[in-house]
Each structure stands twice: as C-alpha cells, then as structure tokens.
Amino acid sequence: MAALEWSPALELGVARMDDTHREFVALLAEVEAADDAALLPAWQALIAHTQQHFDQEDFWMAATRFAAGNCHSTQHEAVLKVMREGAKQGATGNLALVRSMAAELVHWFPIHADSMDAALAQHLQQVGYDPASGQLARPEALPGELIHGCSSTCGDDDLAPAAVA
C-alpha cells in the first residue's frame, strides 16, 4: 500500500488539475514500490511528470495574472531542483536518498495541494478560466494587478511578519 493514495480530500474542483494530481500520486506510488533496479527510471518518470505538472500550473497562473515570481512558482522551482539533485545522487548509487525524497514528497504534496494549489483552483474558478481550452469566461474578474503573494488573495504585504506590539 502506498503511503499516499488518491482520495476525494485531495480534489480541488478543477478537473484538469485534479487529473494531473492523480497522476502525480500514482507515479509517486510507483517510486515507493520500485525495487532498486526500477527506482531511478520511476524517479525520472516522476520528475518528467512533475515538470509538466508545474509548467501547466505556472502557465495558468501567468494567464490569470499571477506574477512569474510568486511563491507558488518559486516552490515549484525549488521542488524540481531538489528532485533533479536526487536523480544525480541516485545515479551515483545513493538510492536511499531517492527513497527518502519520495517519502518527503508524500508529506509535502497534500500540504502544497491544500494550500497553494487550492488557492490557484479557487482563483481559476473565480475568473472562469478553463484550463482545457485556455478560455476566460470572466475577464472582468481578473485582478487589476499581478498577484505577487502565495495565494490568489495575498500580496507582498501579507507575507511580512506581524508587528509586535
């Protein structure tokens, strides 16, 4: 049994996003179940999927006025960088590190989906963006300025720590 299994709790209400997330969970389970001989090819398949997955979300963000440097996109870059480093280390024989990274992704993914991806899904729904067609049903609902924060509702000021009284 995989440490992370798809469940309705992971659904965000954007079919294409949910389908991509289902694929991610399935590929991560394949990594977890892989024997040593199959581990690196399974990890590479997960990396390739994750690159496409993140590129897709980053495209949706750009199409709906999320700034390129928002923390959601920044987290995508960081996760891919770490995954690629895992592949390099795995290629030198450090399979334990790859397995450890997979275990960390099991914990990371639901948090990421429930926070950053949920905010993106809500934003896409609010502006009527159809990821399948790229059509925008409510262009008047787009934010007036680029979104620079971590979700569809926070700006850079929302990232600053609260003042101590």
N, C-alpha and C. Protein backbone atom coordinates (compact mmCIF):
# COMPACT_ATOMS: atom_id res chain seq x y z
N MET A 1 0.84 -1.19 0.00
CA MET A 1 0.00 0.00 0.00
C MET A 1 0.88 1.25 0.00
N ALA A 2 0.55 2.18 -0.87
CA ALA A 2 1.32 3.42 -0.97
C ALA A 2 1.07 4.29 0.26
N ALA A 3 2.09 5.07 0.62
CA ALA A 3 1.97 5.96 1.77
C ALA A 3 0.99 7.09 1.49
N LEU A 4 0.84 7.47 0.22
CA LEU A 4 -0.13 8.49 -0.18
C LEU A 4 -1.00 7.89 -1.26
N GLU A 5 -2.29 7.88 -1.01
CA GLU A 5 -3.23 7.38 -2.00
C GLU A 5 -4.20 8.49 -2.36
N TRP A 6 -4.68 8.46 -3.60
CA TRP A 6 -5.64 9.47 -4.03
C TRP A 6 -6.92 9.30 -3.24
N SER A 7 -7.48 10.42 -2.85
CA SER A 7 -8.76 10.40 -2.15
C SER A 7 -9.54 11.66 -2.52
N PRO A 8 -10.84 11.66 -2.30
CA PRO A 8 -11.63 12.86 -2.58
C PRO A 8 -11.14 14.10 -1.81
N ALA A 9 -10.47 13.88 -0.70
CA ALA A 9 -9.94 15.01 0.08
C ALA A 9 -8.89 15.80 -0.70
N LEU A 10 -8.27 15.18 -1.70
CA LEU A 10 -7.25 15.86 -2.50
C LEU A 10 -7.84 16.60 -3.70
N GLU A 11 -9.13 16.40 -3.99
CA GLU A 11 -9.75 17.04 -5.14
C GLU A 11 -9.93 18.52 -4.89
N LEU A 12 -9.68 19.32 -5.93
CA LEU A 12 -9.77 20.77 -5.82
C LEU A 12 -10.86 21.37 -6.70
N GLY A 13 -11.55 20.54 -7.48
CA GLY A 13 -12.66 21.03 -8.27
C GLY A 13 -12.31 21.58 -9.64
N VAL A 14 -11.06 21.46 -10.04
CA VAL A 14 -10.64 21.82 -11.39
C VAL A 14 -10.19 20.51 -12.02
N ALA A 15 -11.01 19.99 -12.94
CA ALA A 15 -10.81 18.62 -13.44
C ALA A 15 -9.39 18.37 -13.95
N ARG A 16 -8.87 19.26 -14.74
CA ARG A 16 -7.53 19.03 -15.32
C ARG A 16 -6.47 19.03 -14.23
N MET A 17 -6.61 19.90 -13.23
CA MET A 17 -5.67 19.93 -12.12
C MET A 17 -5.79 18.64 -11.30
N ASP A 18 -7.02 18.23 -11.02
CA ASP A 18 -7.23 17.00 -10.26
C ASP A 18 -6.67 15.78 -11.00
N ASP A 19 -6.85 15.73 -12.32
CA ASP A 19 -6.31 14.61 -13.10
C ASP A 19 -4.78 14.58 -13.01
N THR A 20 -4.16 15.73 -13.13
CA THR A 20 -2.70 15.83 -13.04
C THR A 20 -2.23 15.42 -11.65
N HIS A 21 -2.94 15.84 -10.63
CA HIS A 21 -2.58 15.46 -9.26
C HIS A 21 -2.74 13.95 -9.04
N ARG A 22 -3.79 13.36 -9.63
CA ARG A 22 -3.97 11.90 -9.53
C ARG A 22 -2.76 11.18 -10.14
N GLU A 23 -2.32 11.68 -11.30
CA GLU A 23 -1.15 11.09 -11.97
C GLU A 23 0.09 11.22 -11.10
N PHE A 24 0.27 12.37 -10.47
CA PHE A 24 1.42 12.57 -9.59
C PHE A 24 1.41 11.55 -8.46
N VAL A 25 0.26 11.39 -7.82
CA VAL A 25 0.14 10.44 -6.70
C VAL A 25 0.43 9.02 -7.19
N ALA A 26 -0.07 8.66 -8.36
CA ALA A 26 0.18 7.31 -8.90
C ALA A 26 1.66 7.10 -9.21
N LEU A 27 2.31 8.09 -9.81
CA LEU A 27 3.74 7.96 -10.12
C LEU A 27 4.59 7.92 -8.84
N LEU A 28 4.19 8.68 -7.85
CA LEU A 28 4.91 8.65 -6.57
C LEU A 28 4.77 7.26 -5.94
N ALA A 29 3.60 6.65 -6.05
CA ALA A 29 3.40 5.29 -5.54
C ALA A 29 4.29 4.29 -6.28
N GLU A 30 4.48 4.52 -7.58
CA GLU A 30 5.36 3.63 -8.35
C GLU A 30 6.81 3.76 -7.86
N VAL A 31 7.22 4.97 -7.52
CA VAL A 31 8.56 5.17 -6.97
C VAL A 31 8.67 4.42 -5.65
N GLU A 32 7.69 4.58 -4.80
CA GLU A 32 7.71 3.92 -3.49
C GLU A 32 7.80 2.40 -3.62
N ALA A 33 7.10 1.85 -4.60
CA ALA A 33 7.04 0.39 -4.76
C ALA A 33 8.21 -0.18 -5.56
N ALA A 34 8.99 0.66 -6.19
CA ALA A 34 10.05 0.20 -7.08
C ALA A 34 11.17 -0.51 -6.33
N ASP A 35 11.64 -1.59 -6.94
CA ASP A 35 12.85 -2.22 -6.41
C ASP A 35 14.04 -1.38 -6.87
N ASP A 36 15.22 -1.74 -6.42
CA ASP A 36 16.39 -0.92 -6.73
C ASP A 36 16.61 -0.75 -8.23
N ALA A 37 16.37 -1.79 -9.01
CA ALA A 37 16.59 -1.71 -10.46
C ALA A 37 15.60 -0.76 -11.14
N ALA A 38 14.41 -0.65 -10.62
CA ALA A 38 13.37 0.17 -11.24
C ALA A 38 13.26 1.56 -10.62
N LEU A 39 13.99 1.80 -9.53
CA LEU A 39 13.82 3.05 -8.80
C LEU A 39 14.17 4.28 -9.63
N LEU A 40 15.34 4.33 -10.23
CA LEU A 40 15.73 5.53 -10.97
C LEU A 40 14.85 5.80 -12.19
N PRO A 41 14.49 4.79 -12.98
CA PRO A 41 13.54 5.08 -14.07
C PRO A 41 12.19 5.59 -13.55
N ALA A 42 11.72 5.07 -12.45
CA ALA A 42 10.45 5.55 -11.87
C ALA A 42 10.61 6.98 -11.36
N TRP A 43 11.76 7.28 -10.75
CA TRP A 43 12.02 8.63 -10.26
C TRP A 43 12.11 9.61 -11.44
N GLN A 44 12.78 9.21 -12.52
CA GLN A 44 12.87 10.07 -13.71
C GLN A 44 11.49 10.32 -14.31
N ALA A 45 10.64 9.30 -14.32
CA ALA A 45 9.27 9.48 -14.83
C ALA A 45 8.51 10.47 -13.95
N LEU A 46 8.71 10.38 -12.65
CA LEU A 46 8.06 11.32 -11.73
C LEU A 46 8.57 12.74 -11.96
N ILE A 47 9.87 12.89 -12.18
CA ILE A 47 10.43 14.22 -12.45
C ILE A 47 9.85 14.78 -13.75
N ALA A 48 9.79 13.98 -14.79
CA ALA A 48 9.25 14.45 -16.08
C ALA A 48 7.79 14.88 -15.92
N HIS A 49 7.02 14.07 -15.22
CA HIS A 49 5.62 14.43 -14.98
C HIS A 49 5.53 15.71 -14.16
N THR A 50 6.35 15.82 -13.12
CA THR A 50 6.31 16.98 -12.24
C THR A 50 6.68 18.25 -13.00
N GLN A 51 7.64 18.16 -13.91
CA GLN A 51 8.00 19.32 -14.73
C GLN A 51 6.79 19.77 -15.54
N GLN A 52 6.12 18.83 -16.20
CA GLN A 52 4.93 19.17 -16.99
C GLN A 52 3.80 19.70 -16.09
N HIS A 53 3.62 19.06 -14.96
CA HIS A 53 2.60 19.45 -13.97
C HIS A 53 2.82 20.89 -13.54
N PHE A 54 4.04 21.21 -13.14
CA PHE A 54 4.34 22.56 -12.67
C PHE A 54 4.29 23.58 -13.80
N ASP A 55 4.78 23.20 -14.98
CA ASP A 55 4.70 24.10 -16.13
C ASP A 55 3.24 24.45 -16.43
N GLN A 56 2.38 23.45 -16.34
CA GLN A 56 0.96 23.66 -16.60
C GLN A 56 0.38 24.66 -15.60
N GLU A 57 0.64 24.45 -14.32
CA GLU A 57 0.12 25.37 -13.30
C GLU A 57 0.74 26.76 -13.47
N ASP A 58 2.02 26.83 -13.75
CA ASP A 58 2.67 28.13 -13.95
C ASP A 58 2.06 28.86 -15.15
N PHE A 59 1.71 28.13 -16.19
CA PHE A 59 1.05 28.73 -17.35
C PHE A 59 -0.30 29.30 -16.95
N TRP A 60 -1.07 28.53 -16.19
CA TRP A 60 -2.39 29.00 -15.74
C TRP A 60 -2.25 30.26 -14.88
N MET A 61 -1.22 30.26 -14.03
CA MET A 61 -1.01 31.44 -13.20
C MET A 61 -0.70 32.67 -14.07
N ALA A 62 0.17 32.49 -15.05
CA ALA A 62 0.52 33.61 -15.94
C ALA A 62 -0.70 34.09 -16.72
N ALA A 63 -1.54 33.16 -17.14
CA ALA A 63 -2.72 33.51 -17.93
C ALA A 63 -3.78 34.24 -17.11
N THR A 64 -3.67 34.13 -15.78
CA THR A 64 -4.70 34.73 -14.93
C THR A 64 -4.13 35.75 -13.96
N ARG A 65 -2.97 36.30 -14.31
CA ARG A 65 -2.35 37.44 -13.64
C ARG A 65 -1.63 37.12 -12.34
N PHE A 66 -1.16 35.91 -12.16
CA PHE A 66 -0.20 35.64 -11.09
C PHE A 66 1.15 36.08 -11.63
N ALA A 67 1.95 36.76 -10.83
CA ALA A 67 3.29 37.18 -11.26
C ALA A 67 4.19 35.96 -11.38
N ALA A 68 5.14 36.04 -12.29
CA ALA A 68 6.04 34.91 -12.53
C ALA A 68 6.83 34.54 -11.28
N GLY A 69 7.10 35.51 -10.42
CA GLY A 69 7.91 35.24 -9.23
C GLY A 69 7.12 34.98 -7.97
N ASN A 70 5.81 34.67 -8.09
CA ASN A 70 5.04 34.41 -6.88
C ASN A 70 5.59 33.17 -6.17
N CYS A 71 5.28 33.04 -4.89
CA CYS A 71 5.92 31.95 -4.13
C CYS A 71 5.43 30.57 -4.55
N HIS A 72 4.28 30.47 -5.19
CA HIS A 72 3.82 29.17 -5.69
C HIS A 72 4.78 28.68 -6.78
N SER A 73 5.07 29.55 -7.74
CA SER A 73 6.01 29.18 -8.80
C SER A 73 7.41 28.95 -8.25
N THR A 74 7.78 29.75 -7.28
CA THR A 74 9.11 29.60 -6.66
C THR A 74 9.22 28.24 -5.98
N GLN A 75 8.14 27.80 -5.32
CA GLN A 75 8.17 26.48 -4.70
C GLN A 75 8.28 25.39 -5.75
N HIS A 76 7.61 25.56 -6.87
CA HIS A 76 7.73 24.59 -7.96
C HIS A 76 9.20 24.45 -8.38
N GLU A 77 9.86 25.58 -8.58
CA GLU A 77 11.27 25.55 -8.98
C GLU A 77 12.14 24.83 -7.95
N ALA A 78 11.91 25.12 -6.69
CA ALA A 78 12.71 24.52 -5.63
C ALA A 78 12.50 23.01 -5.56
N VAL A 79 11.27 22.57 -5.66
CA VAL A 79 10.98 21.13 -5.58
C VAL A 79 11.63 20.41 -6.76
N LEU A 80 11.51 20.95 -7.95
CA LEU A 80 12.14 20.31 -9.11
C LEU A 80 13.66 20.27 -8.98
N LYS A 81 14.24 21.33 -8.47
CA LYS A 81 15.70 21.36 -8.28
C LYS A 81 16.13 20.23 -7.34
N VAL A 82 15.42 20.06 -6.25
CA VAL A 82 15.75 19.01 -5.28
C VAL A 82 15.53 17.63 -5.90
N MET A 83 14.45 17.46 -6.63
CA MET A 83 14.20 16.16 -7.27
C MET A 83 15.30 15.82 -8.27
N ARG A 84 15.73 16.80 -9.03
CA ARG A 84 16.82 16.55 -10.00
C ARG A 84 18.13 16.22 -9.30
N GLU A 85 18.39 16.88 -8.19
CA GLU A 85 19.59 16.55 -7.41
C GLU A 85 19.49 15.12 -6.90
N GLY A 86 18.30 14.71 -6.50
CA GLY A 86 18.09 13.32 -6.07
C GLY A 86 18.42 12.34 -7.19
N ALA A 87 18.02 12.68 -8.41
CA ALA A 87 18.33 11.82 -9.55
C ALA A 87 19.84 11.70 -9.76
N LYS A 88 20.54 12.83 -9.61
CA LYS A 88 22.00 12.79 -9.75
C LYS A 88 22.63 11.92 -8.68
N GLN A 89 22.17 12.10 -7.45
CA GLN A 89 22.72 11.30 -6.35
C GLN A 89 22.35 9.83 -6.52
N GLY A 90 21.14 9.57 -6.98
CA GLY A 90 20.72 8.19 -7.22
C GLY A 90 21.58 7.53 -8.28
N ALA A 91 21.97 8.28 -9.29
CA ALA A 91 22.80 7.74 -10.37
C ALA A 91 24.18 7.35 -9.86
N THR A 92 24.61 7.92 -8.74
CA THR A 92 25.90 7.54 -8.15
C THR A 92 25.74 6.37 -7.18
N GLY A 93 24.51 5.87 -7.06
CA GLY A 93 24.27 4.73 -6.18
C GLY A 93 23.56 5.06 -4.89
N ASN A 94 23.28 6.32 -4.65
CA ASN A 94 22.63 6.73 -3.41
C ASN A 94 21.11 6.60 -3.54
N LEU A 95 20.65 5.36 -3.62
CA LEU A 95 19.22 5.10 -3.78
C LEU A 95 18.45 5.43 -2.51
N ALA A 96 19.11 5.33 -1.37
CA ALA A 96 18.43 5.66 -0.10
C ALA A 96 17.98 7.12 -0.09
N LEU A 97 18.78 7.99 -0.69
CA LEU A 97 18.40 9.40 -0.75
C LEU A 97 17.14 9.59 -1.61
N VAL A 98 17.07 8.90 -2.73
CA VAL A 98 15.89 8.99 -3.59
C VAL A 98 14.67 8.50 -2.84
N ARG A 99 14.81 7.40 -2.12
CA ARG A 99 13.68 6.87 -1.34
C ARG A 99 13.27 7.85 -0.24
N SER A 100 14.23 8.49 0.36
CA SER A 100 13.95 9.49 1.39
C SER A 100 13.21 10.69 0.79
N MET A 101 13.63 11.12 -0.40
CA MET A 101 12.96 12.23 -1.07
C MET A 101 11.53 11.86 -1.41
N ALA A 102 11.32 10.66 -1.88
CA ALA A 102 9.95 10.21 -2.19
C ALA A 102 9.09 10.25 -0.93
N ALA A 103 9.65 9.83 0.19
CA ALA A 103 8.90 9.87 1.45
C ALA A 103 8.56 11.30 1.84
N GLU A 104 9.46 12.22 1.58
CA GLU A 104 9.18 13.63 1.88
C GLU A 104 8.10 14.19 0.96
N LEU A 105 8.10 13.77 -0.31
CA LEU A 105 7.05 14.22 -1.23
C LEU A 105 5.67 13.75 -0.78
N VAL A 106 5.63 12.57 -0.16
CA VAL A 106 4.36 12.06 0.38
C VAL A 106 3.79 13.04 1.40
N HIS A 107 4.65 13.65 2.18
CA HIS A 107 4.19 14.63 3.18
C HIS A 107 3.97 16.01 2.57
N TRP A 108 4.83 16.41 1.64
CA TRP A 108 4.76 17.73 1.05
C TRP A 108 3.53 17.91 0.17
N PHE A 109 3.23 16.94 -0.67
CA PHE A 109 2.21 17.13 -1.69
C PHE A 109 0.83 17.50 -1.13
N PRO A 110 0.29 16.79 -0.15
CA PRO A 110 -1.04 17.19 0.34
C PRO A 110 -1.07 18.60 0.92
N ILE A 111 0.02 19.02 1.53
CA ILE A 111 0.08 20.39 2.08
C ILE A 111 0.10 21.40 0.94
N HIS A 112 0.93 21.15 -0.05
CA HIS A 112 1.00 22.04 -1.22
C HIS A 112 -0.35 22.12 -1.92
N ALA A 113 -0.97 20.96 -2.14
CA ALA A 113 -2.26 20.93 -2.83
C ALA A 113 -3.33 21.66 -2.03
N ASP A 114 -3.33 21.46 -0.71
CA ASP A 114 -4.36 22.04 0.15
C ASP A 114 -4.18 23.54 0.36
N SER A 115 -3.00 24.04 0.09
CA SER A 115 -2.76 25.47 0.30
C SER A 115 -2.59 26.17 -1.05
N MET A 116 -1.45 26.06 -1.65
CA MET A 116 -1.16 26.82 -2.87
C MET A 116 -2.02 26.39 -4.05
N ASP A 117 -2.17 25.09 -4.26
CA ASP A 117 -2.99 24.64 -5.39
C ASP A 117 -4.46 24.93 -5.17
N ALA A 118 -4.92 24.81 -3.92
CA ALA A 118 -6.33 25.13 -3.63
C ALA A 118 -6.61 26.60 -3.91
N ALA A 119 -5.67 27.47 -3.55
CA ALA A 119 -5.84 28.90 -3.82
C ALA A 119 -5.86 29.15 -5.33
N LEU A 120 -4.99 28.47 -6.07
CA LEU A 120 -4.99 28.61 -7.52
C LEU A 120 -6.30 28.11 -8.11
N ALA A 121 -6.77 26.95 -7.65
CA ALA A 121 -8.03 26.40 -8.15
C ALA A 121 -9.18 27.37 -7.90
N GLN A 122 -9.22 27.92 -6.71
CA GLN A 122 -10.27 28.88 -6.38
C GLN A 122 -10.19 30.11 -7.29
N HIS A 123 -8.98 30.59 -7.50
CA HIS A 123 -8.77 31.75 -8.38
C HIS A 123 -9.23 31.43 -9.81
N LEU A 124 -8.85 30.27 -10.32
CA LEU A 124 -9.25 29.89 -11.68
C LEU A 124 -10.77 29.84 -11.79
N GLN A 125 -11.41 29.31 -10.76
CA GLN A 125 -12.88 29.24 -10.77
C GLN A 125 -13.49 30.63 -10.70
N GLN A 126 -12.92 31.51 -9.89
CA GLN A 126 -13.46 32.86 -9.75
C GLN A 126 -13.40 33.66 -11.04
N VAL A 127 -12.32 33.47 -11.79
CA VAL A 127 -12.19 34.23 -13.04
C VAL A 127 -12.76 33.47 -14.23
N GLY A 128 -13.27 32.26 -13.99
CA GLY A 128 -13.87 31.47 -15.06
C GLY A 128 -12.87 30.97 -16.07
N TYR A 129 -11.65 30.63 -15.60
CA TYR A 129 -10.62 30.14 -16.51
C TYR A 129 -10.81 28.65 -16.73
N ASP A 130 -10.86 28.24 -17.99
CA ASP A 130 -10.99 26.84 -18.35
C ASP A 130 -9.61 26.32 -18.77
N PRO A 131 -8.96 25.54 -17.91
CA PRO A 131 -7.62 25.05 -18.25
C PRO A 131 -7.57 24.21 -19.52
N ALA A 132 -8.64 23.54 -19.85
CA ALA A 132 -8.63 22.69 -21.04
C ALA A 132 -8.58 23.52 -22.32
N SER A 133 -9.31 24.63 -22.35
CA SER A 133 -9.39 25.43 -23.57
C SER A 133 -8.55 26.71 -23.51
N GLY A 134 -8.20 27.13 -22.29
CA GLY A 134 -7.50 28.39 -22.12
C GLY A 134 -8.43 29.59 -22.20
N GLN A 135 -9.71 29.34 -22.24
CA GLN A 135 -10.69 30.42 -22.34
C GLN A 135 -10.99 31.01 -20.96
N LEU A 136 -11.23 32.30 -20.95
CA LEU A 136 -11.51 33.04 -19.73
C LEU A 136 -12.94 33.55 -19.81
N ALA A 137 -13.83 33.02 -18.97
CA ALA A 137 -15.24 33.38 -19.02
C ALA A 137 -15.53 34.74 -18.40
N ARG A 138 -14.73 35.13 -17.41
CA ARG A 138 -14.98 36.39 -16.71
C ARG A 138 -13.70 37.24 -16.65
N PRO A 139 -13.28 37.80 -17.78
CA PRO A 139 -12.06 38.61 -17.77
C PRO A 139 -12.16 39.80 -16.81
N GLU A 140 -13.39 40.28 -16.58
CA GLU A 140 -13.56 41.39 -15.65
C GLU A 140 -13.23 41.00 -14.21
N ALA A 141 -13.18 39.69 -13.93
CA ALA A 141 -12.85 39.21 -12.59
C ALA A 141 -11.35 39.08 -12.35
N LEU A 142 -10.55 39.26 -13.42
CA LEU A 142 -9.10 39.20 -13.24
C LEU A 142 -8.65 40.30 -12.29
N PRO A 143 -7.65 40.03 -11.48
CA PRO A 143 -7.15 41.09 -10.60
C PRO A 143 -6.56 42.23 -11.42
N GLY A 144 -6.68 43.44 -10.90
CA GLY A 144 -6.16 44.60 -11.60
C GLY A 144 -4.65 44.62 -11.69
N GLU A 145 -4.00 44.02 -10.72
CA GLU A 145 -2.54 43.97 -10.68
C GLU A 145 -2.09 42.52 -10.57
N LEU A 146 -0.86 42.27 -10.93
CA LEU A 146 -0.32 40.92 -10.81
C LEU A 146 -0.35 40.47 -9.35
N ILE A 147 -0.65 39.21 -9.14
CA ILE A 147 -0.66 38.62 -7.81
C ILE A 147 0.78 38.22 -7.47
N HIS A 148 1.32 38.79 -6.42
CA HIS A 148 2.71 38.53 -6.04
C HIS A 148 2.85 37.65 -4.81
N GLY A 149 1.79 37.38 -4.12
CA GLY A 149 1.87 36.63 -2.88
C GLY A 149 1.80 35.14 -3.10
N CYS A 150 1.38 34.44 -2.07
CA CYS A 150 1.36 32.97 -2.10
C CYS A 150 0.02 32.39 -2.50
N SER A 151 -1.00 33.19 -2.60
CA SER A 151 -2.30 32.66 -3.00
C SER A 151 -2.98 33.68 -3.88
N SER A 152 -4.24 33.44 -4.16
CA SER A 152 -4.96 34.36 -5.01
C SER A 152 -5.41 35.60 -4.26
N THR A 153 -5.19 35.64 -2.95
CA THR A 153 -5.72 36.76 -2.18
C THR A 153 -4.66 37.55 -1.43
N CYS A 154 -3.43 37.08 -1.39
CA CYS A 154 -2.44 37.81 -0.60
C CYS A 154 -1.44 38.51 -1.50
N GLY A 155 -0.98 39.63 -1.05
CA GLY A 155 0.05 40.38 -1.76
C GLY A 155 1.33 40.33 -0.96
N ASP A 156 2.36 41.03 -1.43
CA ASP A 156 3.65 41.03 -0.75
C ASP A 156 3.51 41.47 0.70
N ASP A 157 2.63 42.43 0.97
CA ASP A 157 2.48 42.90 2.34
C ASP A 157 1.96 41.81 3.25
N ASP A 158 1.20 40.87 2.70
CA ASP A 158 0.66 39.79 3.52
C ASP A 158 1.74 38.80 3.93
N LEU A 159 2.91 38.87 3.31
CA LEU A 159 3.99 37.95 3.63
C LEU A 159 4.87 38.47 4.77
N ALA A 160 4.72 39.75 5.10
CA ALA A 160 5.55 40.34 6.15
C ALA A 160 5.05 39.88 7.51
N PRO A 161 5.97 39.66 8.45
CA PRO A 161 5.53 39.26 9.79
C PRO A 161 4.75 40.40 10.45
N ALA A 162 3.82 40.00 11.31
CA ALA A 162 3.01 40.99 12.02
C ALA A 162 3.91 41.79 12.97
N ALA A 163 3.56 43.05 13.11
CA ALA A 163 4.33 43.90 14.02
C ALA A 163 4.09 43.46 15.46
N VAL A 164 5.11 43.52 16.25
CA VAL A 164 4.99 43.16 17.66
C VAL A 164 4.60 44.41 18.43
N ALA A 165 3.52 44.30 19.21
CA ALA A 165 3.03 45.47 19.96
C ALA A 165 3.86 45.70 21.19
